[in-house]
Amino acid sequence: MNVLRRTLAAAILGCLMSQILGCASSNLVAQWKDASFQAPPLGKMLIIAARKDAAKRRMWEDAFSAELVKRGVVSISSYSLFPDAPPDTNQILASAQKNAFDGILVILRMPTETKTKYVKENMTTDRDVRYGDYTNPAFSSLHRPYWQRYNTYYRDIEHPAYIDSQSVDIRAIDVTTTGNGGRLIWSATSRTPNPGSVLEVQRGVARLVISGLANQHVIKPGK
């Protein structure tokens, strides 16, 4: 029975750990802002996810639009204007002029990075306590020392070496102003190790990026 309980406990712990690791949080690296950008914070932006997959494109654009709306920024997902495919450069310029966008945010998918790590073989010690049979008068005697009512066993468990791999989802996010001919004013790269739910990754990256834009006063500071 004790072995069964330990097995179940280990299985439950393993499932919880796999879920936790599978939903590892994203982070922003290589964050940059054009120090010469002195214009008022962007107030109306076009969001473009450069994805061929229509569903994923819409999910990424909607995730960023939702975060921008929370900051009081008018945000339009490009699929609402260009449902068939992400707009090309000429379409973006024409749309920016027609709809009075003052900023363009583009999300680019970069090649997934895979990291591998060699984990050496190791040995751990397992501890088990086995209690005596208290239905046996010999064990239920009040005069029997307590420490004689159970026995502790130790056994060494050898764990073989293995290769641990980790995938990292990478996205490049660029923000361009439409004024003065347009120029890149903010850029960053997001990294998400062992991405779990696609929707959670999108929302997590969007929160990080929009928070970064607010902190750098590219958009109005958050509430």
C-alpha atoms as a PDB file:
ATOM      1  CA  MET A   1       0.000   0.000   0.000  1.00  0.00           C
ATOM      2  CA  ASN A   2       2.835   2.408   0.833  1.00  0.00           C
ATOM      3  CA  VAL A   3       4.486   1.652  -2.510  1.00  0.00           C
ATOM      4  CA  LEU A   4       1.208   2.371  -4.319  1.00  0.00           C
ATOM      5  CA  ARG A   5       0.765   5.678  -2.475  1.00  0.00           C
ATOM      6  CA  ARG A   6       4.313   6.749  -3.324  1.00  0.00           C
ATOM      7  CA  THR A   7       3.769   5.820  -6.968  1.00  0.00           C
ATOM      8  CA  LEU A   8       0.546   7.825  -7.172  1.00  0.00           C
ATOM      9  CA  ALA A   9       2.125  10.796  -5.401  1.00  0.00           C
ATOM     10  CA  ALA A  10       5.081  10.748  -7.792  1.00  0.00           C
ATOM     11  CA  ALA A  11       2.747  10.565 -10.799  1.00  0.00           C
ATOM     12  CA  ILE A  12       0.648  13.499  -9.578  1.00  0.00           C
ATOM     13  CA  LEU A  13       3.754  15.569  -8.861  1.00  0.00           C
ATOM     14  CA  GLY A  14       5.132  14.749 -12.291  1.00  0.00           C
ATOM     15  CA  CYS A  15       1.921  15.912 -13.977  1.00  0.00           C
ATOM     16  CA  LEU A  16       1.913  19.164 -12.024  1.00  0.00           C
ATOM     17  CA  MET A  17       5.554  19.843 -12.842  1.00  0.00           C
ATOM     18  CA  SER A  18       5.002  19.155 -16.536  1.00  0.00           C
ATOM     19  CA  GLN A  19       2.100  21.621 -16.549  1.00  0.00           C
ATOM     20  CA  ILE A  20       4.143  24.258 -14.777  1.00  0.00           C
ATOM     21  CA  LEU A  21       7.119  23.834 -17.088  1.00  0.00           C
ATOM     22  CA  GLY A  22       4.828  23.702 -20.089  1.00  0.00           C
ATOM     23  CA  CYS A  23       3.447  27.121 -19.245  1.00  0.00           C
ATOM     24  CA  ALA A  24       6.748  28.829 -18.645  1.00  0.00           C
ATOM     25  CA  SER A  25       6.397  32.633 -18.741  1.00  0.00           C
ATOM     26  CA  SER A  26       7.653  34.774 -21.601  1.00  0.00           C
ATOM     27  CA  ASN A  27      10.267  37.499 -21.324  1.00  0.00           C
ATOM     28  CA  LEU A  28      11.453  40.383 -23.487  1.00  0.00           C
ATOM     29  CA  VAL A  29      15.053  40.662 -24.600  1.00  0.00           C
ATOM     30  CA  ALA A  30      16.924  43.144 -26.792  1.00  0.00           C
ATOM     31  CA  GLN A  31      14.363  45.859 -26.069  1.00  0.00           C
ATOM     32  CA  TRP A  32      15.196  49.090 -27.926  1.00  0.00           C
ATOM     33  CA  LYS A  33      13.673  52.548 -28.375  1.00  0.00           C
ATOM     34  CA  ASP A  34      14.651  55.383 -30.684  1.00  0.00           C
ATOM     35  CA  ALA A  35      15.799  58.052 -28.226  1.00  0.00           C
ATOM     36  CA  SER A  36      15.069  60.789 -30.780  1.00  0.00           C
ATOM     37  CA  PHE A  37      11.367  59.955 -30.850  1.00  0.00           C
ATOM     38  CA  GLN A  38       9.754  62.983 -29.200  1.00  0.00           C
ATOM     39  CA  ALA A  39       6.290  62.885 -30.765  1.00  0.00           C
ATOM     40  CA  PRO A  40       3.166  62.485 -28.623  1.00  0.00           C
ATOM     41  CA  PRO A  41       2.385  58.882 -27.605  1.00  0.00           C
ATOM     42  CA  LEU A  42       0.775  56.810 -30.335  1.00  0.00           C
ATOM     43  CA  GLY A  43      -3.004  56.852 -30.147  1.00  0.00           C
ATOM     44  CA  LYS A  44      -4.220  54.805 -33.141  1.00  0.00           C
ATOM     45  CA  MET A  45      -2.381  51.704 -34.274  1.00  0.00           C
ATOM     46  CA  LEU A  46      -2.637  49.012 -36.931  1.00  0.00           C
ATOM     47  CA  ILE A  47      -1.667  45.547 -35.663  1.00  0.00           C
ATOM     48  CA  ILE A  48      -0.145  43.092 -38.135  1.00  0.00           C
ATOM     49  CA  ALA A  49       0.822  39.498 -37.388  1.00  0.00           C
ATOM     50  CA  ALA A  50       2.888  38.257 -40.321  1.00  0.00           C
ATOM     51  CA  ARG A  51       1.391  34.755 -40.368  1.00  0.00           C
ATOM     52  CA  LYS A  52       0.116  32.650 -43.269  1.00  0.00           C
ATOM     53  CA  ASP A  53      -2.087  30.680 -40.871  1.00  0.00           C
ATOM     54  CA  ALA A  54      -5.285  32.750 -40.825  1.00  0.00           C
ATOM     55  CA  ALA A  55      -6.470  31.549 -37.412  1.00  0.00           C
ATOM     56  CA  LYS A  56      -3.149  32.170 -35.663  1.00  0.00           C
ATOM     57  CA  ARG A  57      -2.804  35.527 -37.393  1.00  0.00           C
ATOM     58  CA  ARG A  58      -6.187  36.621 -36.004  1.00  0.00           C
ATOM     59  CA  MET A  59      -5.394  35.314 -32.526  1.00  0.00           C
ATOM     60  CA  TRP A  60      -2.094  37.208 -32.338  1.00  0.00           C
ATOM     61  CA  GLU A  61      -3.577  40.445 -33.656  1.00  0.00           C
ATOM     62  CA  ASP A  62      -6.573  40.259 -31.334  1.00  0.00           C
ATOM     63  CA  ALA A  63      -4.343  39.582 -28.305  1.00  0.00           C
ATOM     64  CA  PHE A  64      -2.331  42.762 -28.954  1.00  0.00           C
ATOM     65  CA  SER A  65      -5.394  44.832 -29.854  1.00  0.00           C
ATOM     66  CA  ALA A  66      -7.101  43.845 -26.598  1.00  0.00           C
ATOM     67  CA  GLU A  67      -4.104  44.956 -24.532  1.00  0.00           C
ATOM     68  CA  LEU A  68      -3.838  48.269 -26.392  1.00  0.00           C
ATOM     69  CA  VAL A  69      -7.528  49.011 -25.885  1.00  0.00           C
ATOM     70  CA  LYS A  70      -6.982  48.592 -22.134  1.00  0.00           C
ATOM     71  CA  ARG A  71      -4.432  51.418 -22.389  1.00  0.00           C
ATOM     72  CA  GLY A  72      -6.836  53.704 -24.224  1.00  0.00           C
ATOM     73  CA  VAL A  73      -5.203  53.198 -27.642  1.00  0.00           C
ATOM     74  CA  VAL A  74      -7.438  52.773 -30.683  1.00  0.00           C
ATOM     75  CA  SER A  75      -6.289  49.493 -32.191  1.00  0.00           C
ATOM     76  CA  ILE A  76      -7.284  47.807 -35.450  1.00  0.00           C
ATOM     77  CA  SER A  77      -6.347  44.219 -36.306  1.00  0.00           C
ATOM     78  CA  SER A  78      -5.144  44.041 -39.906  1.00  0.00           C
ATOM     79  CA  TYR A  79      -7.329  41.038 -40.737  1.00  0.00           C
ATOM     80  CA  SER A  80     -10.402  43.270 -40.410  1.00  0.00           C
ATOM     81  CA  LEU A  81      -9.069  45.346 -43.318  1.00  0.00           C
ATOM     82  CA  PHE A  82      -7.159  42.633 -45.182  1.00  0.00           C
ATOM     83  CA  PRO A  83      -8.878  39.320 -44.442  1.00  0.00           C
ATOM     84  CA  ASP A  84      -7.148  37.234 -47.096  1.00  0.00           C
ATOM     85  CA  ALA A  85      -3.512  37.828 -46.116  1.00  0.00           C
ATOM     86  CA  PRO A  86      -1.313  40.255 -44.191  1.00  0.00           C
ATOM     87  CA  PRO A  87      -0.949  43.549 -46.083  1.00  0.00           C
ATOM     88  CA  ASP A  88       2.155  44.347 -48.115  1.00  0.00           C
ATOM     89  CA  THR A  89       4.109  47.586 -47.807  1.00  0.00           C
ATOM     90  CA  ASN A  90       1.987  49.538 -50.295  1.00  0.00           C
ATOM     91  CA  GLN A  91      -1.243  48.382 -48.662  1.00  0.00           C
ATOM     92  CA  ILE A  92       0.070  49.379 -45.232  1.00  0.00           C
ATOM     93  CA  LEU A  93       0.997  52.872 -46.419  1.00  0.00           C
ATOM     94  CA  ALA A  94      -2.349  53.376 -48.142  1.00  0.00           C
ATOM     95  CA  SER A  95      -4.250  52.085 -45.114  1.00  0.00           C
ATOM     96  CA  ALA A  96      -2.276  54.263 -42.712  1.00  0.00           C
ATOM     97  CA  GLN A  97      -3.121  57.354 -44.736  1.00  0.00           C
ATOM     98  CA  LYS A  98      -6.769  56.427 -45.214  1.00  0.00           C
ATOM     99  CA  ASN A  99      -7.416  55.448 -41.574  1.00  0.00           C
ATOM    100  CA  ALA A 100      -5.127  58.027 -39.933  1.00  0.00           C
ATOM    101  CA  PHE A 101      -2.990  55.467 -38.102  1.00  0.00           C
ATOM    102  CA  ASP A 102      -0.047  57.061 -36.305  1.00  0.00           C
ATOM    103  CA  GLY A 103       1.654  53.741 -35.545  1.00  0.00           C
ATOM    104  CA  ILE A 104       2.102  50.242 -36.968  1.00  0.00           C
ATOM    105  CA  LEU A 105       2.898  47.240 -34.763  1.00  0.00           C
ATOM    106  CA  VAL A 106       4.206  44.131 -36.522  1.00  0.00           C
ATOM    107  CA  ILE A 107       4.650  40.693 -34.947  1.00  0.00           C
ATOM    108  CA  LEU A 108       7.120  38.402 -36.714  1.00  0.00           C
ATOM    109  CA  ARG A 109       7.635  34.732 -35.966  1.00  0.00           C
ATOM    110  CA  MET A 110      11.296  33.755 -35.738  1.00  0.00           C
ATOM    111  CA  PRO A 111      12.757  30.226 -36.012  1.00  0.00           C
ATOM    112  CA  THR A 112      12.101  28.159 -32.898  1.00  0.00           C
ATOM    113  CA  GLU A 113      15.221  27.558 -30.857  1.00  0.00           C
ATOM    114  CA  THR A 114      15.892  24.138 -29.350  1.00  0.00           C
ATOM    115  CA  LYS A 115      18.266  23.754 -26.424  1.00  0.00           C
ATOM    116  CA  THR A 116      19.592  20.405 -25.271  1.00  0.00           C
ATOM    117  CA  LYS A 117      21.298  19.572 -22.002  1.00  0.00           C
ATOM    118  CA  TYR A 118      23.049  16.374 -20.960  1.00  0.00           C
ATOM    119  CA  VAL A 119      22.035  15.283 -17.469  1.00  0.00           C
ATOM    120  CA  LYS A 120      24.508  12.930 -15.840  1.00  0.00           C
ATOM    121  CA  GLU A 121      23.483   9.728 -14.194  1.00  0.00           C
ATOM    122  CA  ASN A 122      22.915  10.098 -10.478  1.00  0.00           C
ATOM    123  CA  MET A 123      21.775   8.198  -7.436  1.00  0.00           C
ATOM    124  CA  THR A 124      19.208   9.119  -4.819  1.00  0.00           C
ATOM    125  CA  THR A 125      18.208   7.469  -1.570  1.00  0.00           C
ATOM    126  CA  ASP A 126      14.610   6.481  -1.003  1.00  0.00           C
ATOM    127  CA  ARG A 127      13.310   6.323   2.560  1.00  0.00           C
ATOM    128  CA  ASP A 128      10.404   4.091   3.529  1.00  0.00           C
ATOM    129  CA  VAL A 129       8.750   3.557   6.900  1.00  0.00           C
ATOM    130  CA  ARG A 130       6.968   0.310   7.608  1.00  0.00           C
ATOM    131  CA  TYR A 131       4.747   0.152  10.661  1.00  0.00           C
ATOM    132  CA  GLY A 132       4.191  -2.952  12.733  1.00  0.00           C
ATOM    133  CA  ASP A 133       0.959  -4.899  12.826  1.00  0.00           C
ATOM    134  CA  TYR A 134      -0.944  -3.287  15.698  1.00  0.00           C
ATOM    135  CA  THR A 135      -3.500  -6.102  15.693  1.00  0.00           C
ATOM    136  CA  ASN A 136      -0.691  -8.259  16.981  1.00  0.00           C
ATOM    137  CA  PRO A 137      -0.515  -8.071  20.781  1.00  0.00           C
ATOM    138  CA  ALA A 138       3.267  -8.119  20.569  1.00  0.00           C
ATOM    139  CA  PHE A 139       3.180  -4.719  18.835  1.00  0.00           C
ATOM    140  CA  SER A 140       0.315  -3.179  20.777  1.00  0.00           C
ATOM    141  CA  SER A 141       1.898  -3.636  24.158  1.00  0.00           C
ATOM    142  CA  LEU A 142       1.995  -0.328  26.015  1.00  0.00           C
ATOM    143  CA  HIS A 143       5.318  -1.348  27.460  1.00  0.00           C
ATOM    144  CA  ARG A 144       6.937  -1.872  24.049  1.00  0.00           C
ATOM    145  CA  PRO A 145       9.260   1.066  23.120  1.00  0.00           C
ATOM    146  CA  TYR A 146       7.643   3.304  20.499  1.00  0.00           C
ATOM    147  CA  TRP A 147      10.611   3.184  18.127  1.00  0.00           C
ATOM    148  CA  GLN A 148      10.262  -0.570  17.927  1.00  0.00           C
ATOM    149  CA  ARG A 149       6.773  -0.255  16.465  1.00  0.00           C
ATOM    150  CA  TYR A 150       8.057   0.708  13.029  1.00  0.00           C
ATOM    151  CA  ASN A 151      11.146   0.169  10.918  1.00  0.00           C
ATOM    152  CA  THR A 152      12.817   2.600   8.538  1.00  0.00           C
ATOM    153  CA  TYR A 153      14.320   1.271   5.322  1.00  0.00           C
ATOM    154  CA  TYR A 154      16.682   3.024   2.932  1.00  0.00           C
ATOM    155  CA  ARG A 155      17.457   1.998  -0.607  1.00  0.00           C
ATOM    156  CA  ASP A 156      19.575   3.558  -3.320  1.00  0.00           C
ATOM    157  CA  ILE A 157      17.906   4.326  -6.644  1.00  0.00           C
ATOM    158  CA  GLU A 158      20.088   4.743  -9.713  1.00  0.00           C
ATOM    159  CA  HIS A 159      18.891   7.215 -12.349  1.00  0.00           C
ATOM    160  CA  PRO A 160      20.414   6.798 -15.836  1.00  0.00           C
ATOM    161  CA  ALA A 161      21.806   9.712 -17.817  1.00  0.00           C
ATOM    162  CA  TYR A 162      19.484  11.405 -20.304  1.00  0.00           C
ATOM    163  CA  ILE A 163      19.217  14.299 -22.737  1.00  0.00           C
ATOM    164  CA  ASP A 164      16.861  17.109 -21.699  1.00  0.00           C
ATOM    165  CA  SER A 165      15.555  19.279 -24.547  1.00  0.00           C
ATOM    166  CA  GLN A 166      13.789  22.629 -24.345  1.00  0.00           C
ATOM    167  CA  SER A 167      12.102  24.522 -27.174  1.00  0.00           C
ATOM    168  CA  VAL A 168      11.984  28.326 -27.155  1.00  0.00           C
ATOM    169  CA  ASP A 169       9.319  30.238 -29.081  1.00  0.00           C
ATOM    170  CA  ILE A 170      10.786  33.510 -30.421  1.00  0.00           C
ATOM    171  CA  ARG A 171       8.930  36.554 -31.742  1.00  0.00           C
ATOM    172  CA  ALA A 172      10.204  39.885 -33.034  1.00  0.00           C
ATOM    173  CA  ILE A 173       7.938  42.874 -32.404  1.00  0.00           C
ATOM    174  CA  ASP A 174       8.498  46.174 -34.244  1.00  0.00           C
ATOM    175  CA  VAL A 175       6.662  49.470 -33.845  1.00  0.00           C
ATOM    176  CA  THR A 176       6.888  52.045 -36.623  1.00  0.00           C
ATOM    177  CA  THR A 177       5.539  55.584 -36.648  1.00  0.00           C
ATOM    178  CA  THR A 178       3.711  56.728 -39.771  1.00  0.00           C
ATOM    179  CA  GLY A 179       4.779  60.356 -39.406  1.00  0.00           C
ATOM    180  CA  ASN A 180       7.700  61.891 -41.310  1.00  0.00           C
ATOM    181  CA  GLY A 181       7.832  59.077 -43.817  1.00  0.00           C
ATOM    182  CA  GLY A 182       7.727  56.390 -41.139  1.00  0.00           C
ATOM    183  CA  ARG A 183      10.574  54.991 -39.076  1.00  0.00           C
ATOM    184  CA  LEU A 184      11.200  52.255 -36.551  1.00  0.00           C
ATOM    185  CA  ILE A 185      10.839  53.677 -33.040  1.00  0.00           C
ATOM    186  CA  TRP A 186      10.651  50.580 -30.823  1.00  0.00           C
ATOM    187  CA  SER A 187      11.695  46.956 -31.126  1.00  0.00           C
ATOM    188  CA  ALA A 188      11.994  43.894 -28.899  1.00  0.00           C
ATOM    189  CA  THR A 189      12.239  40.120 -29.018  1.00  0.00           C
ATOM    190  CA  SER A 190      10.093  37.810 -26.913  1.00  0.00           C
ATOM    191  CA  ARG A 191      11.275  34.404 -25.768  1.00  0.00           C
ATOM    192  CA  THR A 192       8.947  31.744 -24.375  1.00  0.00           C
ATOM    193  CA  PRO A 193      10.583  28.505 -23.178  1.00  0.00           C
ATOM    194  CA  ASN A 194       8.532  25.326 -23.519  1.00  0.00           C
ATOM    195  CA  PRO A 195       5.433  27.131 -24.806  1.00  0.00           C
ATOM    196  CA  GLY A 196       2.179  25.595 -23.620  1.00  0.00           C
ATOM    197  CA  SER A 197      -1.214  26.925 -24.697  1.00  0.00           C
ATOM    198  CA  VAL A 198      -0.883  29.052 -27.835  1.00  0.00           C
ATOM    199  CA  LEU A 199      -3.499  31.471 -26.539  1.00  0.00           C
ATOM    200  CA  GLU A 200      -1.682  31.905 -23.218  1.00  0.00           C
ATOM    201  CA  VAL A 201       1.612  32.552 -25.042  1.00  0.00           C
ATOM    202  CA  GLN A 202      -0.027  35.205 -27.201  1.00  0.00           C
ATOM    203  CA  ARG A 203      -1.643  36.938 -24.251  1.00  0.00           C
ATOM    204  CA  GLY A 204       1.550  36.775 -22.202  1.00  0.00           C
ATOM    205  CA  VAL A 205       3.692  38.262 -24.978  1.00  0.00           C
ATOM    206  CA  ALA A 206       1.083  40.936 -25.697  1.00  0.00           C
ATOM    207  CA  ARG A 207       0.984  42.009 -22.038  1.00  0.00           C
ATOM    208  CA  LEU A 208       4.770  42.265 -21.905  1.00  0.00           C
ATOM    209  CA  VAL A 209       5.051  44.242 -25.133  1.00  0.00           C
ATOM    210  CA  ILE A 210       2.256  46.713 -24.413  1.00  0.00           C
ATOM    211  CA  SER A 211       3.592  47.234 -20.898  1.00  0.00           C
ATOM    212  CA  GLY A 212       7.033  47.924 -22.393  1.00  0.00           C
ATOM    213  CA  LEU A 213       5.569  50.444 -24.839  1.00  0.00           C
ATOM    214  CA  ALA A 214       3.778  52.226 -21.988  1.00  0.00           C
ATOM    215  CA  ASN A 215       6.894  52.321 -19.824  1.00  0.00           C
ATOM    216  CA  GLN A 216       8.869  53.832 -22.698  1.00  0.00           C
ATOM    217  CA  HIS A 217       6.053  56.361 -23.376  1.00  0.00           C
ATOM    218  CA  VAL A 218       5.581  55.092 -26.929  1.00  0.00           C
ATOM    219  CA  ILE A 219       1.930  54.860 -25.919  1.00  0.00           C
ATOM    220  CA  LYS A 220       0.241  56.497 -22.959  1.00  0.00           C
ATOM    221  CA  PRO A 221       1.373  55.092 -19.600  1.00  0.00           C
ATOM    222  CA  GLY A 222      -0.952  52.441 -18.224  1.00  0.00           C
ATOM    223  CA  LYS A 223      -3.710  53.012 -15.743  1.00  0.00           C
END
